[in-house]
Amino acid sequence: ATQERLDDLNDVYRLYRCRTIMNCTEVCPKGLAPSRAIEQIRLMMVKDSL
């Protein structure tokens, strides 16, 4: 299931639209860090492609 979700994110209009401005982290009502999570997913996908 994890690989399936990663495959869905591997698109220039999804994962790489985030500009890491961190606005989402500032306003997240749950106190999460979406920008940080997106960056981790990007790194994981790059490592998997090497």
PDB file of N, CA and C in Angstrom:
ATOM      1  N   ALA A   1       0.825  -1.197   0.000  1.00  0.00           N
ATOM      2  CA  ALA A   1       0.000   0.000   0.000  1.00  0.00           C
ATOM      3  C   ALA A   1       0.867   1.258   0.000  1.00  0.00           C
ATOM      4  N   THR A   2       1.986   1.216   0.704  1.00  0.00           N
ATOM      5  CA  THR A   2       2.870   2.384   0.740  1.00  0.00           C
ATOM      6  C   THR A   2       3.405   2.706  -0.641  1.00  0.00           C
ATOM      7  N   GLN A   3       3.859   1.693  -1.362  1.00  0.00           N
ATOM      8  CA  GLN A   3       4.395   1.919  -2.710  1.00  0.00           C
ATOM      9  C   GLN A   3       3.320   2.462  -3.639  1.00  0.00           C
ATOM     10  N   GLU A   4       2.109   1.992  -3.455  1.00  0.00           N
ATOM     11  CA  GLU A   4       0.987   2.472  -4.268  1.00  0.00           C
ATOM     12  C   GLU A   4       0.763   3.967  -4.040  1.00  0.00           C
ATOM     13  N   ARG A   5       0.832   4.403  -2.785  1.00  0.00           N
ATOM     14  CA  ARG A   5       0.665   5.821  -2.462  1.00  0.00           C
ATOM     15  C   ARG A   5       1.819   6.641  -3.012  1.00  0.00           C
ATOM     16  N   LEU A   6       3.039   6.120  -2.911  1.00  0.00           N
ATOM     17  CA  LEU A   6       4.201   6.831  -3.454  1.00  0.00           C
ATOM     18  C   LEU A   6       4.096   6.968  -4.973  1.00  0.00           C
ATOM     19  N   ASP A   7       3.631   5.912  -5.628  1.00  0.00           N
ATOM     20  CA  ASP A   7       3.443   5.970  -7.081  1.00  0.00           C
ATOM     21  C   ASP A   7       2.446   7.064  -7.465  1.00  0.00           C
ATOM     22  N   ASP A   8       1.399   7.216  -6.662  1.00  0.00           N
ATOM     23  CA  ASP A   8       0.404   8.259  -6.928  1.00  0.00           C
ATOM     24  C   ASP A   8       1.000   9.658  -6.784  1.00  0.00           C
ATOM     25  N   LEU A   9       1.982   9.813  -5.914  1.00  0.00           N
ATOM     26  CA  LEU A   9       2.601  11.123  -5.692  1.00  0.00           C
ATOM     27  C   LEU A   9       3.668  11.466  -6.716  1.00  0.00           C
ATOM     28  N   ASN A  10       4.150  10.477  -7.444  1.00  0.00           N
ATOM     29  CA  ASN A  10       5.243  10.689  -8.386  1.00  0.00           C
ATOM     30  C   ASN A  10       4.726  11.357  -9.658  1.00  0.00           C
ATOM     31  N   ASP A  11       4.431  12.629  -9.531  1.00  0.00           N
ATOM     32  CA  ASP A  11       3.857  13.412 -10.616  1.00  0.00           C
ATOM     33  C   ASP A  11       4.257  14.870 -10.384  1.00  0.00           C
ATOM     34  N   VAL A  12       4.663  15.565 -11.438  1.00  0.00           N
ATOM     35  CA  VAL A  12       5.108  16.954 -11.272  1.00  0.00           C
ATOM     36  C   VAL A  12       4.019  17.868 -10.735  1.00  0.00           C
ATOM     37  N   TYR A  13       2.770  17.482 -10.864  1.00  0.00           N
ATOM     38  CA  TYR A  13       1.678  18.323 -10.385  1.00  0.00           C
ATOM     39  C   TYR A  13       1.222  17.960  -8.982  1.00  0.00           C
ATOM     40  N   ARG A  14       1.923  17.087  -8.346  1.00  0.00           N
ATOM     41  CA  ARG A  14       1.528  16.690  -6.986  1.00  0.00           C
ATOM     42  C   ARG A  14       2.627  17.021  -6.002  1.00  0.00           C
ATOM     43  N   LEU A  15       3.500  16.121  -5.780  1.00  0.00           N
ATOM     44  CA  LEU A  15       4.526  16.262  -4.753  1.00  0.00           C
ATOM     45  C   LEU A  15       5.441  17.456  -4.983  1.00  0.00           C
ATOM     46  N   TYR A  16       5.775  17.729  -6.220  1.00  0.00           N
ATOM     47  CA  TYR A  16       6.741  18.793  -6.503  1.00  0.00           C
ATOM     48  C   TYR A  16       6.116  20.172  -6.683  1.00  0.00           C
ATOM     49  N   ARG A  17       4.845  20.298  -6.418  1.00  0.00           N
ATOM     50  CA  ARG A  17       4.223  21.627  -6.426  1.00  0.00           C
ATOM     51  C   ARG A  17       4.487  22.352  -5.124  1.00  0.00           C
ATOM     52  N   CYS A  18       4.838  21.635  -4.095  1.00  0.00           N
ATOM     53  CA  CYS A  18       5.147  22.251  -2.808  1.00  0.00           C
ATOM     54  C   CYS A  18       6.449  23.030  -2.941  1.00  0.00           C
ATOM     55  N   ARG A  19       6.424  24.282  -2.536  1.00  0.00           N
ATOM     56  CA  ARG A  19       7.604  25.155  -2.626  1.00  0.00           C
ATOM     57  C   ARG A  19       8.303  25.317  -1.279  1.00  0.00           C
ATOM     58  N   THR A  20       7.885  24.539  -0.305  1.00  0.00           N
ATOM     59  CA  THR A  20       8.440  24.549   1.062  1.00  0.00           C
ATOM     60  C   THR A  20       8.477  25.954   1.662  1.00  0.00           C
ATOM     61  N   ILE A  21       7.419  26.696   1.469  1.00  0.00           N
ATOM     62  CA  ILE A  21       7.288  28.026   2.071  1.00  0.00           C
ATOM     63  C   ILE A  21       6.870  27.903   3.535  1.00  0.00           C
ATOM     64  N   MET A  22       6.319  26.764   3.878  1.00  0.00           N
ATOM     65  CA  MET A  22       5.934  26.413   5.245  1.00  0.00           C
ATOM     66  C   MET A  22       4.630  27.058   5.719  1.00  0.00           C
ATOM     67  N   ASN A  23       3.869  27.679   4.836  1.00  0.00           N
ATOM     68  CA  ASN A  23       2.586  28.260   5.246  1.00  0.00           C
ATOM     69  C   ASN A  23       1.648  27.198   5.803  1.00  0.00           C
ATOM     70  N   CYS A  24       1.655  26.021   5.212  1.00  0.00           N
ATOM     71  CA  CYS A  24       0.759  24.959   5.679  1.00  0.00           C
ATOM     72  C   CYS A  24       1.116  24.530   7.101  1.00  0.00           C
ATOM     73  N   THR A  25       2.390  24.530   7.417  1.00  0.00           N
ATOM     74  CA  THR A  25       2.833  24.171   8.762  1.00  0.00           C
ATOM     75  C   THR A  25       2.380  25.230   9.763  1.00  0.00           C
ATOM     76  N   GLU A  26       2.453  26.479   9.362  1.00  0.00           N
ATOM     77  CA  GLU A  26       2.049  27.583  10.245  1.00  0.00           C
ATOM     78  C   GLU A  26       0.571  27.506  10.624  1.00  0.00           C
ATOM     79  N   VAL A  27      -0.279  27.090   9.695  1.00  0.00           N
ATOM     80  CA  VAL A  27      -1.722  27.128   9.940  1.00  0.00           C
ATOM     81  C   VAL A  27      -2.345  25.762  10.210  1.00  0.00           C
ATOM     82  N   CYS A  28      -1.553  24.715  10.246  1.00  0.00           N
ATOM     83  CA  CYS A  28      -2.098  23.372  10.446  1.00  0.00           C
ATOM     84  C   CYS A  28      -2.781  23.277  11.814  1.00  0.00           C
ATOM     85  N   PRO A  29      -4.082  22.983  11.835  1.00  0.00           N
ATOM     86  CA  PRO A  29      -4.804  22.913  13.110  1.00  0.00           C
ATOM     87  C   PRO A  29      -4.380  21.734  13.984  1.00  0.00           C
ATOM     88  N   LYS A  30      -3.733  20.744  13.395  1.00  0.00           N
ATOM     89  CA  LYS A  30      -3.296  19.579  14.160  1.00  0.00           C
ATOM     90  C   LYS A  30      -1.842  19.690  14.610  1.00  0.00           C
ATOM     91  N   GLY A  31      -1.186  20.779  14.239  1.00  0.00           N
ATOM     92  CA  GLY A  31       0.200  20.967  14.655  1.00  0.00           C
ATOM     93  C   GLY A  31       1.179  20.082  13.901  1.00  0.00           C
ATOM     94  N   LEU A  32       0.799  19.647  12.721  1.00  0.00           N
ATOM     95  CA  LEU A  32       1.669  18.799  11.907  1.00  0.00           C
ATOM     96  C   LEU A  32       2.616  19.667  11.083  1.00  0.00           C
ATOM     97  N   ALA A  33       3.559  19.032  10.437  1.00  0.00           N
ATOM     98  CA  ALA A  33       4.509  19.748   9.576  1.00  0.00           C
ATOM     99  C   ALA A  33       4.435  19.162   8.170  1.00  0.00           C
ATOM    100  N   PRO A  34       3.407  19.511   7.395  1.00  0.00           N
ATOM    101  CA  PRO A  34       3.252  18.948   6.055  1.00  0.00           C
ATOM    102  C   PRO A  34       4.450  19.195   5.147  1.00  0.00           C
ATOM    103  N   SER A  35       5.033  20.375   5.208  1.00  0.00           N
ATOM    104  CA  SER A  35       6.190  20.678   4.349  1.00  0.00           C
ATOM    105  C   SER A  35       7.354  19.749   4.654  1.00  0.00           C
ATOM    106  N   ARG A  36       7.585  19.496   5.912  1.00  0.00           N
ATOM    107  CA  ARG A  36       8.664  18.603   6.313  1.00  0.00           C
ATOM    108  C   ARG A  36       8.388  17.173   5.842  1.00  0.00           C
ATOM    109  N   ALA A  37       7.138  16.755   5.956  1.00  0.00           N
ATOM    110  CA  ALA A  37       6.768  15.411   5.510  1.00  0.00           C
ATOM    111  C   ALA A  37       6.929  15.279   3.998  1.00  0.00           C
ATOM    112  N   ILE A  38       6.548  16.312   3.266  1.00  0.00           N
ATOM    113  CA  ILE A  38       6.691  16.291   1.808  1.00  0.00           C
ATOM    114  C   ILE A  38       8.160  16.183   1.429  1.00  0.00           C
ATOM    115  N   GLU A  39       9.012  16.923   2.116  1.00  0.00           N
ATOM    116  CA  GLU A  39      10.445  16.865   1.840  1.00  0.00           C
ATOM    117  C   GLU A  39      11.000  15.462   2.098  1.00  0.00           C
ATOM    118  N   GLN A  40      10.555  14.822   3.167  1.00  0.00           N
ATOM    119  CA  GLN A  40      10.999  13.464   3.468  1.00  0.00           C
ATOM    120  C   GLN A  40      10.545  12.483   2.382  1.00  0.00           C
ATOM    121  N   ILE A  41       9.328  12.650   1.903  1.00  0.00           N
ATOM    122  CA  ILE A  41       8.824  11.784   0.837  1.00  0.00           C
ATOM    123  C   ILE A  41       9.637  12.000  -0.440  1.00  0.00           C
ATOM    124  N   ARG A  42       9.947  13.251  -0.742  1.00  0.00           N
ATOM    125  CA  ARG A  42      10.779  13.544  -1.922  1.00  0.00           C
ATOM    126  C   ARG A  42      12.131  12.837  -1.814  1.00  0.00           C
ATOM    127  N   LEU A  43      12.769  12.957  -0.669  1.00  0.00           N
ATOM    128  CA  LEU A  43      14.069  12.312  -0.477  1.00  0.00           C
ATOM    129  C   LEU A  43      13.974  10.792  -0.628  1.00  0.00           C
ATOM    130  N   MET A  44      12.928  10.210  -0.050  1.00  0.00           N
ATOM    131  CA  MET A  44      12.728   8.773  -0.139  1.00  0.00           C
ATOM    132  C   MET A  44      12.555   8.347  -1.596  1.00  0.00           C
ATOM    133  N   MET A  45      11.816   9.130  -2.370  1.00  0.00           N
ATOM    134  CA  MET A  45      11.580   8.785  -3.770  1.00  0.00           C
ATOM    135  C   MET A  45      12.862   8.918  -4.598  1.00  0.00           C
ATOM    136  N   VAL A  46      13.667   9.920  -4.302  1.00  0.00           N
ATOM    137  CA  VAL A  46      14.939  10.084  -5.022  1.00  0.00           C
ATOM    138  C   VAL A  46      15.864   8.918  -4.709  1.00  0.00           C
ATOM    139  N   LYS A  47      15.964   8.555  -3.442  1.00  0.00           N
ATOM    140  CA  LYS A  47      16.826   7.427  -3.054  1.00  0.00           C
ATOM    141  C   LYS A  47      16.370   6.134  -3.727  1.00  0.00           C
ATOM    142  N   ASP A  48      15.070   5.932  -3.804  1.00  0.00           N
ATOM    143  CA  ASP A  48      14.540   4.721  -4.430  1.00  0.00           C
ATOM    144  C   ASP A  48      14.816   4.680  -5.934  1.00  0.00           C
ATOM    145  N   SER A  49      14.966   5.852  -6.543  1.00  0.00           N
ATOM    146  CA  SER A  49      15.182   5.877  -7.992  1.00  0.00           C
ATOM    147  C   SER A  49      16.648   5.686  -8.373  1.00  0.00           C
ATOM    148  N   LEU A  50      17.551   5.776  -7.404  1.00  0.00           N
ATOM    149  CA  LEU A  50      18.978   5.613  -7.709  1.00  0.00           C
ATOM    150  C   LEU A  50      19.379   4.163  -7.808  1.00  0.00           C
TER     151      LEU A  50
END
